[in-house]
Amino acid sequence: MTRPITLIFSITFILFRNISIAQDDLKILEAKASRKDTKILTIQSLDGGKQKVKIIPDYVNRVLKINCLTDTIKIEDFWGVTPEIDILGGKFIQIQYEVRGGTGYALGNVLILCVRNNKLYEAMHVLRYTQSEIGDDATGDYNIKIKIDKNDKGSYILKVNIHDDFNSKSRPEKNYKYDNLSILNFDLSRNVFYSIKKDRYDTFISTFLKNHKNHKNKIPGNFPEIILGSETYYYFGNRWYTSQEDGELIEFDN
């Protein structure tokens, strides 16, 4: 009896060892890919001068890191696909990155960064696209296309083309198709693009702490908003937020 049992343990050990080796090899390849895809870009800071920004797609830990001197932004909601990176107007960096979706659901975000006084600012951080399939019955497609320009006063603006559609065979009354152009102005005091600014008095922000507890803060004031079709974003303290069904705001990239 001992020999078959010993054989089973030996086979199991070999299988787990091979799996472990394969995982280690994958991490080594992902680390090499991270180093290869790391970019260092030079842009013009909003307060003048040149500024270097380092963008590191950490495929091993699924984190997108952006460094500028002593300031760092980390995007936790990052999937292991090489981000598309562009410089807009010499002063902004556009990063298009993928997010893990689910069965029949794909999505990606876009982050636009700028620098002032050696500090990184999320000038815009929004949903870039979603594509959904509900069996053989329904499909949905939301996407935006961004172009930077200047207005008649010489300030930067974003022209955002928005497309949104839904098509169902069994529920045609739900079908729609939406196309629109949204113009976003730039707030020089907050270093962000916006559609409108609103006074808010009964707004709560939900923050998920490391101990997984939900902490709520009431934040009154006047704040920029970005409205892109059915998607709306709210800016507080160098972070963008979206609204839940109960009206509370949660950080966009969490």
C-alpha atoms as a PDB file:
ATOM      1  CA  MET A   1       0.000   0.000   0.000  1.00  0.00           C
ATOM      2  CA  THR A   2       2.824   2.401   0.758  1.00  0.00           C
ATOM      3  CA  ARG A   3       4.256   2.299  -2.745  1.00  0.00           C
ATOM      4  CA  PRO A   4       1.127   3.613  -4.567  1.00  0.00           C
ATOM      5  CA  ILE A   5       0.699   6.312  -1.929  1.00  0.00           C
ATOM      6  CA  THR A   6       4.336   7.318  -2.289  1.00  0.00           C
ATOM      7  CA  LEU A   7       3.903   7.416  -6.062  1.00  0.00           C
ATOM      8  CA  ILE A   8       0.851   9.661  -5.755  1.00  0.00           C
ATOM      9  CA  PHE A   9       2.721  12.075  -3.477  1.00  0.00           C
ATOM     10  CA  SER A  10       5.672  12.108  -5.873  1.00  0.00           C
ATOM     11  CA  ILE A  11       3.471  12.901  -8.872  1.00  0.00           C
ATOM     12  CA  THR A  12       1.628  15.608  -6.923  1.00  0.00           C
ATOM     13  CA  PHE A  13       4.920  17.169  -5.824  1.00  0.00           C
ATOM     14  CA  ILE A  14       6.222  17.207  -9.405  1.00  0.00           C
ATOM     15  CA  LEU A  15       3.011  18.793 -10.701  1.00  0.00           C
ATOM     16  CA  PHE A  16       3.035  21.556  -8.084  1.00  0.00           C
ATOM     17  CA  ARG A  17       6.742  22.123  -8.662  1.00  0.00           C
ATOM     18  CA  ASN A  18       6.186  22.489 -12.405  1.00  0.00           C
ATOM     19  CA  ILE A  19       3.311  24.910 -11.802  1.00  0.00           C
ATOM     20  CA  SER A  20       5.480  26.952  -9.443  1.00  0.00           C
ATOM     21  CA  ILE A  21       8.332  27.071 -11.968  1.00  0.00           C
ATOM     22  CA  ALA A  22       5.916  28.136 -14.728  1.00  0.00           C
ATOM     23  CA  GLN A  23       4.540  30.922 -12.518  1.00  0.00           C
ATOM     24  CA  ASP A  24       8.049  32.131 -11.696  1.00  0.00           C
ATOM     25  CA  ASP A  25       8.967  32.096 -15.394  1.00  0.00           C
ATOM     26  CA  LEU A  26       5.831  34.133 -16.180  1.00  0.00           C
ATOM     27  CA  LYS A  27       6.734  36.722 -13.535  1.00  0.00           C
ATOM     28  CA  ILE A  28      10.239  37.025 -14.989  1.00  0.00           C
ATOM     29  CA  LEU A  29       8.790  37.594 -18.467  1.00  0.00           C
ATOM     30  CA  GLU A  30       6.277  40.131 -17.110  1.00  0.00           C
ATOM     31  CA  ALA A  31       9.043  41.998 -15.257  1.00  0.00           C
ATOM     32  CA  LYS A  32      11.109  42.174 -18.464  1.00  0.00           C
ATOM     33  CA  ALA A  33       8.066  43.432 -20.386  1.00  0.00           C
ATOM     34  CA  SER A  34       7.492  46.106 -17.703  1.00  0.00           C
ATOM     35  CA  ARG A  35      11.048  47.381 -18.103  1.00  0.00           C
ATOM     36  CA  LYS A  36      10.734  47.354 -21.900  1.00  0.00           C
ATOM     37  CA  ASP A  37       7.416  49.216 -21.903  1.00  0.00           C
ATOM     38  CA  THR A  38       8.437  51.820 -19.294  1.00  0.00           C
ATOM     39  CA  LYS A  39       8.410  55.304 -20.842  1.00  0.00           C
ATOM     40  CA  ILE A  40      10.100  58.540 -19.788  1.00  0.00           C
ATOM     41  CA  LEU A  41       8.468  61.552 -21.427  1.00  0.00           C
ATOM     42  CA  THR A  42       9.381  65.238 -21.292  1.00  0.00           C
ATOM     43  CA  ILE A  43       6.556  67.758 -21.261  1.00  0.00           C
ATOM     44  CA  GLN A  44       6.200  71.432 -20.470  1.00  0.00           C
ATOM     45  CA  SER A  45       5.088  72.084 -16.910  1.00  0.00           C
ATOM     46  CA  LEU A  46       2.113  74.432 -16.500  1.00  0.00           C
ATOM     47  CA  ASP A  47       4.312  76.744 -14.433  1.00  0.00           C
ATOM     48  CA  GLY A  48       7.018  76.796 -17.127  1.00  0.00           C
ATOM     49  CA  GLY A  49      10.113  74.718 -17.770  1.00  0.00           C
ATOM     50  CA  LYS A  50      10.547  71.103 -18.773  1.00  0.00           C
ATOM     51  CA  GLN A  51       9.413  68.167 -16.703  1.00  0.00           C
ATOM     52  CA  LYS A  52      10.190  64.444 -16.987  1.00  0.00           C
ATOM     53  CA  VAL A  53       7.409  61.955 -16.270  1.00  0.00           C
ATOM     54  CA  LYS A  54       8.070  58.221 -15.915  1.00  0.00           C
ATOM     55  CA  ILE A  55       5.276  55.751 -16.703  1.00  0.00           C
ATOM     56  CA  ILE A  56       5.739  52.172 -15.485  1.00  0.00           C
ATOM     57  CA  PRO A  57       3.255  49.433 -16.425  1.00  0.00           C
ATOM     58  CA  ASP A  58       3.857  46.906 -13.631  1.00  0.00           C
ATOM     59  CA  TYR A  59       2.497  43.728 -15.233  1.00  0.00           C
ATOM     60  CA  VAL A  60       3.546  41.544 -12.284  1.00  0.00           C
ATOM     61  CA  ASN A  61       1.463  43.419  -9.702  1.00  0.00           C
ATOM     62  CA  ARG A  62      -1.127  44.805 -12.145  1.00  0.00           C
ATOM     63  CA  VAL A  63      -0.392  48.425 -11.196  1.00  0.00           C
ATOM     64  CA  LEU A  64       0.230  51.401 -13.455  1.00  0.00           C
ATOM     65  CA  LYS A  65       2.721  53.798 -11.836  1.00  0.00           C
ATOM     66  CA  ILE A  66       3.393  57.392 -12.892  1.00  0.00           C
ATOM     67  CA  ASN A  67       6.351  59.217 -11.310  1.00  0.00           C
ATOM     68  CA  CYS A  68       7.391  62.870 -11.396  1.00  0.00           C
ATOM     69  CA  LEU A  69      10.338  63.718  -9.142  1.00  0.00           C
ATOM     70  CA  THR A  70       8.930  62.977  -5.660  1.00  0.00           C
ATOM     71  CA  ASP A  71       5.261  62.712  -6.698  1.00  0.00           C
ATOM     72  CA  THR A  72       3.638  59.392  -7.672  1.00  0.00           C
ATOM     73  CA  ILE A  73       0.238  58.258  -8.910  1.00  0.00           C
ATOM     74  CA  LYS A  74      -0.717  54.569  -8.797  1.00  0.00           C
ATOM     75  CA  ILE A  75      -3.576  53.114 -10.822  1.00  0.00           C
ATOM     76  CA  GLU A  76      -4.653  49.893  -9.132  1.00  0.00           C
ATOM     77  CA  ASP A  77      -7.413  49.060 -11.618  1.00  0.00           C
ATOM     78  CA  PHE A  78      -4.939  48.143 -14.387  1.00  0.00           C
ATOM     79  CA  TRP A  79      -4.912  45.019 -16.521  1.00  0.00           C
ATOM     80  CA  GLY A  80      -1.751  43.580 -18.072  1.00  0.00           C
ATOM     81  CA  VAL A  81      -2.037  45.164 -21.519  1.00  0.00           C
ATOM     82  CA  THR A  82       0.510  47.655 -22.841  1.00  0.00           C
ATOM     83  CA  PRO A  83      -0.962  51.165 -22.388  1.00  0.00           C
ATOM     84  CA  GLU A  84      -1.091  53.624 -25.271  1.00  0.00           C
ATOM     85  CA  ILE A  85       0.742  56.838 -24.352  1.00  0.00           C
ATOM     86  CA  ASP A  86       0.684  60.179 -26.203  1.00  0.00           C
ATOM     87  CA  ILE A  87       1.698  63.783 -25.544  1.00  0.00           C
ATOM     88  CA  LEU A  88      -1.102  66.305 -26.146  1.00  0.00           C
ATOM     89  CA  GLY A  89      -0.275  69.928 -26.862  1.00  0.00           C
ATOM     90  CA  GLY A  90       3.178  69.587 -25.328  1.00  0.00           C
ATOM     91  CA  LYS A  91       1.781  69.963 -21.787  1.00  0.00           C
ATOM     92  CA  PHE A  92      -0.406  66.910 -21.253  1.00  0.00           C
ATOM     93  CA  ILE A  93       0.162  63.144 -21.287  1.00  0.00           C
ATOM     94  CA  GLN A  94      -2.672  60.878 -22.383  1.00  0.00           C
ATOM     95  CA  ILE A  95      -2.581  57.291 -21.111  1.00  0.00           C
ATOM     96  CA  GLN A  96      -5.102  54.801 -22.465  1.00  0.00           C
ATOM     97  CA  TYR A  97      -5.116  51.603 -20.416  1.00  0.00           C
ATOM     98  CA  GLU A  98      -7.187  48.447 -20.187  1.00  0.00           C
ATOM     99  CA  VAL A  99      -9.248  47.338 -17.201  1.00  0.00           C
ATOM    100  CA  ARG A 100     -10.260  43.796 -16.372  1.00  0.00           C
ATOM    101  CA  GLY A 101     -13.855  43.220 -17.409  1.00  0.00           C
ATOM    102  CA  GLY A 102     -15.826  40.001 -17.279  1.00  0.00           C
ATOM    103  CA  THR A 103     -17.559  37.474 -19.486  1.00  0.00           C
ATOM    104  CA  GLY A 104     -18.959  39.355 -22.471  1.00  0.00           C
ATOM    105  CA  TYR A 105     -17.762  42.684 -21.079  1.00  0.00           C
ATOM    106  CA  ALA A 106     -14.639  44.694 -22.041  1.00  0.00           C
ATOM    107  CA  LEU A 107     -13.615  48.146 -20.899  1.00  0.00           C
ATOM    108  CA  GLY A 108     -10.771  50.623 -20.762  1.00  0.00           C
ATOM    109  CA  ASN A 109     -10.043  54.036 -19.231  1.00  0.00           C
ATOM    110  CA  VAL A 110      -8.140  57.143 -20.261  1.00  0.00           C
ATOM    111  CA  LEU A 111      -6.057  59.330 -17.952  1.00  0.00           C
ATOM    112  CA  ILE A 112      -4.772  62.781 -18.944  1.00  0.00           C
ATOM    113  CA  LEU A 113      -1.983  64.159 -16.766  1.00  0.00           C
ATOM    114  CA  CYS A 114      -0.276  67.513 -16.378  1.00  0.00           C
ATOM    115  CA  VAL A 115       2.410  68.891 -14.044  1.00  0.00           C
ATOM    116  CA  ARG A 116       2.576  72.062 -11.969  1.00  0.00           C
ATOM    117  CA  ASN A 117       5.198  72.847  -9.303  1.00  0.00           C
ATOM    118  CA  ASN A 118       6.645  69.317  -9.619  1.00  0.00           C
ATOM    119  CA  LYS A 119       3.261  67.772  -8.773  1.00  0.00           C
ATOM    120  CA  LEU A 120       1.192  65.460 -10.973  1.00  0.00           C
ATOM    121  CA  TYR A 121      -2.439  66.355 -11.640  1.00  0.00           C
ATOM    122  CA  GLU A 122      -5.164  64.138 -13.073  1.00  0.00           C
ATOM    123  CA  ALA A 123      -6.550  66.670 -15.536  1.00  0.00           C
ATOM    124  CA  MET A 124      -9.069  64.064 -16.670  1.00  0.00           C
ATOM    125  CA  HIS A 125      -9.674  60.423 -15.709  1.00  0.00           C
ATOM    126  CA  VAL A 126     -12.691  58.772 -17.317  1.00  0.00           C
ATOM    127  CA  LEU A 127     -14.120  55.677 -18.943  1.00  0.00           C
ATOM    128  CA  ARG A 128     -12.810  55.351 -22.515  1.00  0.00           C
ATOM    129  CA  TYR A 129     -14.945  52.501 -23.781  1.00  0.00           C
ATOM    130  CA  THR A 130     -17.174  49.591 -22.865  1.00  0.00           C
ATOM    131  CA  GLN A 131     -18.299  46.754 -25.093  1.00  0.00           C
ATOM    132  CA  SER A 132     -20.892  44.288 -23.833  1.00  0.00           C
ATOM    133  CA  GLU A 133     -22.609  41.211 -25.184  1.00  0.00           C
ATOM    134  CA  ILE A 134     -25.618  39.678 -23.443  1.00  0.00           C
ATOM    135  CA  GLY A 135     -25.830  36.243 -25.015  1.00  0.00           C
ATOM    136  CA  ASP A 136     -27.014  36.354 -28.618  1.00  0.00           C
ATOM    137  CA  ASP A 137     -29.693  38.898 -27.796  1.00  0.00           C
ATOM    138  CA  ALA A 138     -28.141  42.268 -26.972  1.00  0.00           C
ATOM    139  CA  THR A 139     -24.997  44.329 -27.480  1.00  0.00           C
ATOM    140  CA  GLY A 140     -23.828  47.639 -26.084  1.00  0.00           C
ATOM    141  CA  ASP A 141     -21.042  49.987 -27.161  1.00  0.00           C
ATOM    142  CA  TYR A 142     -19.829  53.171 -25.442  1.00  0.00           C
ATOM    143  CA  ASN A 143     -16.669  54.972 -26.531  1.00  0.00           C
ATOM    144  CA  ILE A 144     -15.098  58.413 -26.617  1.00  0.00           C
ATOM    145  CA  LYS A 145     -12.488  60.005 -28.883  1.00  0.00           C
ATOM    146  CA  ILE A 146     -10.438  62.946 -27.590  1.00  0.00           C
ATOM    147  CA  LYS A 147      -8.782  65.800 -29.477  1.00  0.00           C
ATOM    148  CA  ILE A 148      -6.928  68.705 -27.851  1.00  0.00           C
ATOM    149  CA  ASP A 149      -7.317  72.240 -29.207  1.00  0.00           C
ATOM    150  CA  LYS A 150      -7.207  75.882 -28.127  1.00  0.00           C
ATOM    151  CA  ASN A 151     -10.053  78.353 -27.754  1.00  0.00           C
ATOM    152  CA  ASP A 152     -10.047  81.979 -28.920  1.00  0.00           C
ATOM    153  CA  LYS A 153      -8.308  83.019 -25.675  1.00  0.00           C
ATOM    154  CA  GLY A 154      -5.434  80.598 -26.229  1.00  0.00           C
ATOM    155  CA  SER A 155      -6.437  78.253 -23.413  1.00  0.00           C
ATOM    156  CA  TYR A 156      -6.481  74.500 -23.979  1.00  0.00           C
ATOM    157  CA  ILE A 157      -9.782  72.713 -24.527  1.00  0.00           C
ATOM    158  CA  LEU A 158     -10.706  69.099 -25.176  1.00  0.00           C
ATOM    159  CA  LYS A 159     -13.131  68.118 -27.907  1.00  0.00           C
ATOM    160  CA  VAL A 160     -14.650  64.776 -26.947  1.00  0.00           C
ATOM    161  CA  ASN A 161     -16.757  62.798 -29.422  1.00  0.00           C
ATOM    162  CA  ILE A 162     -19.120  60.447 -27.574  1.00  0.00           C
ATOM    163  CA  HIS A 163     -20.830  57.389 -29.034  1.00  0.00           C
ATOM    164  CA  ASP A 164     -23.247  55.222 -27.077  1.00  0.00           C
ATOM    165  CA  ASP A 165     -25.616  52.574 -28.391  1.00  0.00           C
ATOM    166  CA  PHE A 166     -27.607  49.574 -27.212  1.00  0.00           C
ATOM    167  CA  ASN A 167     -29.321  46.995 -29.407  1.00  0.00           C
ATOM    168  CA  SER A 168     -31.599  44.196 -28.227  1.00  0.00           C
ATOM    169  CA  LYS A 169     -33.507  41.780 -30.438  1.00  0.00           C
ATOM    170  CA  SER A 170     -36.057  40.732 -27.833  1.00  0.00           C
ATOM    171  CA  ARG A 171     -36.522  44.192 -26.242  1.00  0.00           C
ATOM    172  CA  PRO A 172     -36.344  46.689 -29.135  1.00  0.00           C
ATOM    173  CA  GLU A 173     -38.022  49.348 -26.978  1.00  0.00           C
ATOM    174  CA  LYS A 174     -34.707  49.602 -25.089  1.00  0.00           C
ATOM    175  CA  ASN A 175     -32.652  50.297 -28.204  1.00  0.00           C
ATOM    176  CA  TYR A 176     -30.959  53.655 -28.633  1.00  0.00           C
ATOM    177  CA  LYS A 177     -28.087  55.360 -30.434  1.00  0.00           C
ATOM    178  CA  TYR A 178     -26.415  58.502 -29.075  1.00  0.00           C
ATOM    179  CA  ASP A 179     -23.688  60.634 -30.694  1.00  0.00           C
ATOM    180  CA  ASN A 180     -22.534  63.978 -29.386  1.00  0.00           C
ATOM    181  CA  LEU A 181     -19.585  66.372 -29.183  1.00  0.00           C
ATOM    182  CA  SER A 182     -18.649  67.730 -25.756  1.00  0.00           C
ATOM    183  CA  ILE A 183     -16.267  70.675 -25.253  1.00  0.00           C
ATOM    184  CA  LEU A 184     -14.244  70.651 -22.028  1.00  0.00           C
ATOM    185  CA  ASN A 185     -12.560  73.814 -20.793  1.00  0.00           C
ATOM    186  CA  PHE A 186      -9.462  73.901 -18.579  1.00  0.00           C
ATOM    187  CA  ASP A 187      -9.443  75.231 -15.016  1.00  0.00           C
ATOM    188  CA  LEU A 188      -6.048  76.849 -14.422  1.00  0.00           C
ATOM    189  CA  SER A 189      -6.496  76.964 -10.633  1.00  0.00           C
ATOM    190  CA  ARG A 190      -7.340  73.260 -10.246  1.00  0.00           C
ATOM    191  CA  ASN A 191      -5.441  72.007 -13.329  1.00  0.00           C
ATOM    192  CA  VAL A 192      -8.382  69.966 -14.649  1.00  0.00           C
ATOM    193  CA  PHE A 193     -10.714  69.864 -17.629  1.00  0.00           C
ATOM    194  CA  TYR A 194     -14.419  70.302 -16.940  1.00  0.00           C
ATOM    195  CA  SER A 195     -17.892  70.615 -18.492  1.00  0.00           C
ATOM    196  CA  ILE A 196     -19.520  72.630 -15.718  1.00  0.00           C
ATOM    197  CA  LYS A 197     -18.951  73.646 -12.092  1.00  0.00           C
ATOM    198  CA  LYS A 198     -21.572  73.062  -9.423  1.00  0.00           C
ATOM    199  CA  ASP A 199     -22.192  73.957  -5.793  1.00  0.00           C
ATOM    200  CA  ARG A 200     -22.628  70.802  -3.713  1.00  0.00           C
ATOM    201  CA  TYR A 201     -23.745  70.743  -0.084  1.00  0.00           C
ATOM    202  CA  ASP A 202     -25.035  67.229   0.667  1.00  0.00           C
ATOM    203  CA  THR A 203     -22.323  65.242  -1.081  1.00  0.00           C
ATOM    204  CA  PHE A 204     -20.661  62.253   0.585  1.00  0.00           C
ATOM    205  CA  ILE A 205     -17.452  60.607  -0.613  1.00  0.00           C
ATOM    206  CA  SER A 206     -16.958  56.921   0.120  1.00  0.00           C
ATOM    207  CA  THR A 207     -13.382  55.846   0.804  1.00  0.00           C
ATOM    208  CA  PHE A 208     -12.502  52.161   1.101  1.00  0.00           C
ATOM    209  CA  LEU A 209      -9.769  51.859   3.716  1.00  0.00           C
ATOM    210  CA  LYS A 210      -7.094  49.158   3.928  1.00  0.00           C
ATOM    211  CA  ASN A 211      -9.130  47.315   6.543  1.00  0.00           C
ATOM    212  CA  HIS A 212     -11.946  47.111   3.935  1.00  0.00           C
ATOM    213  CA  LYS A 213     -14.151  49.418   5.960  1.00  0.00           C
ATOM    214  CA  ASN A 214     -16.162  52.074   4.164  1.00  0.00           C
ATOM    215  CA  HIS A 215     -15.453  55.594   5.419  1.00  0.00           C
ATOM    216  CA  LYS A 216     -17.729  58.495   4.438  1.00  0.00           C
ATOM    217  CA  ASN A 217     -16.805  62.168   4.329  1.00  0.00           C
ATOM    218  CA  LYS A 218     -19.203  65.032   3.686  1.00  0.00           C
ATOM    219  CA  ILE A 219     -17.602  67.471   1.240  1.00  0.00           C
ATOM    220  CA  PRO A 220     -19.471  70.725   0.534  1.00  0.00           C
ATOM    221  CA  GLY A 221     -18.234  73.265  -2.030  1.00  0.00           C
ATOM    222  CA  ASN A 222     -18.046  74.211  -5.688  1.00  0.00           C
ATOM    223  CA  PHE A 223     -16.490  71.510  -7.837  1.00  0.00           C
ATOM    224  CA  PRO A 224     -15.800  70.743 -11.513  1.00  0.00           C
ATOM    225  CA  GLU A 225     -17.767  68.043 -13.314  1.00  0.00           C
ATOM    226  CA  ILE A 226     -17.202  66.233 -16.601  1.00  0.00           C
ATOM    227  CA  ILE A 227     -20.335  65.076 -18.418  1.00  0.00           C
ATOM    228  CA  LEU A 228     -19.814  62.626 -21.283  1.00  0.00           C
ATOM    229  CA  GLY A 229     -23.205  61.322 -22.346  1.00  0.00           C
ATOM    230  CA  SER A 230     -24.474  58.912 -19.696  1.00  0.00           C
ATOM    231  CA  GLU A 231     -21.212  59.140 -17.713  1.00  0.00           C
ATOM    232  CA  THR A 232     -20.563  61.933 -15.187  1.00  0.00           C
ATOM    233  CA  TYR A 233     -17.405  62.533 -13.149  1.00  0.00           C
ATOM    234  CA  TYR A 234     -16.773  64.768 -10.119  1.00  0.00           C
ATOM    235  CA  TYR A 235     -13.451  66.275  -9.066  1.00  0.00           C
ATOM    236  CA  PHE A 236     -12.336  66.541  -5.429  1.00  0.00           C
ATOM    237  CA  GLY A 237      -8.763  66.910  -4.169  1.00  0.00           C
ATOM    238  CA  ASN A 238      -6.829  65.739  -7.260  1.00  0.00           C
ATOM    239  CA  ARG A 239      -9.070  62.702  -7.736  1.00  0.00           C
ATOM    240  CA  TRP A 240     -12.020  61.967  -9.987  1.00  0.00           C
ATOM    241  CA  TYR A 241     -15.164  60.304  -8.641  1.00  0.00           C
ATOM    242  CA  THR A 242     -18.323  58.708 -10.021  1.00  0.00           C
ATOM    243  CA  SER A 243     -21.745  58.573  -8.420  1.00  0.00           C
ATOM    244  CA  GLN A 244     -23.387  55.444  -7.036  1.00  0.00           C
ATOM    245  CA  GLU A 245     -27.138  54.824  -7.138  1.00  0.00           C
ATOM    246  CA  ASP A 246     -27.520  56.231  -3.617  1.00  0.00           C
ATOM    247  CA  GLY A 247     -25.748  59.441  -4.670  1.00  0.00           C
ATOM    248  CA  GLU A 248     -22.503  58.772  -2.813  1.00  0.00           C
ATOM    249  CA  LEU A 249     -19.281  59.286  -4.746  1.00  0.00           C
ATOM    250  CA  ILE A 250     -16.529  56.679  -5.094  1.00  0.00           C
ATOM    251  CA  GLU A 251     -13.057  57.159  -6.541  1.00  0.00           C
ATOM    252  CA  PHE A 252     -13.138  56.393 -10.258  1.00  0.00           C
ATOM    253  CA  ASP A 253     -10.151  54.061 -10.665  1.00  0.00           C
ATOM    254  CA  ASN A 254     -10.858  51.882  -7.594  1.00  0.00           C
END
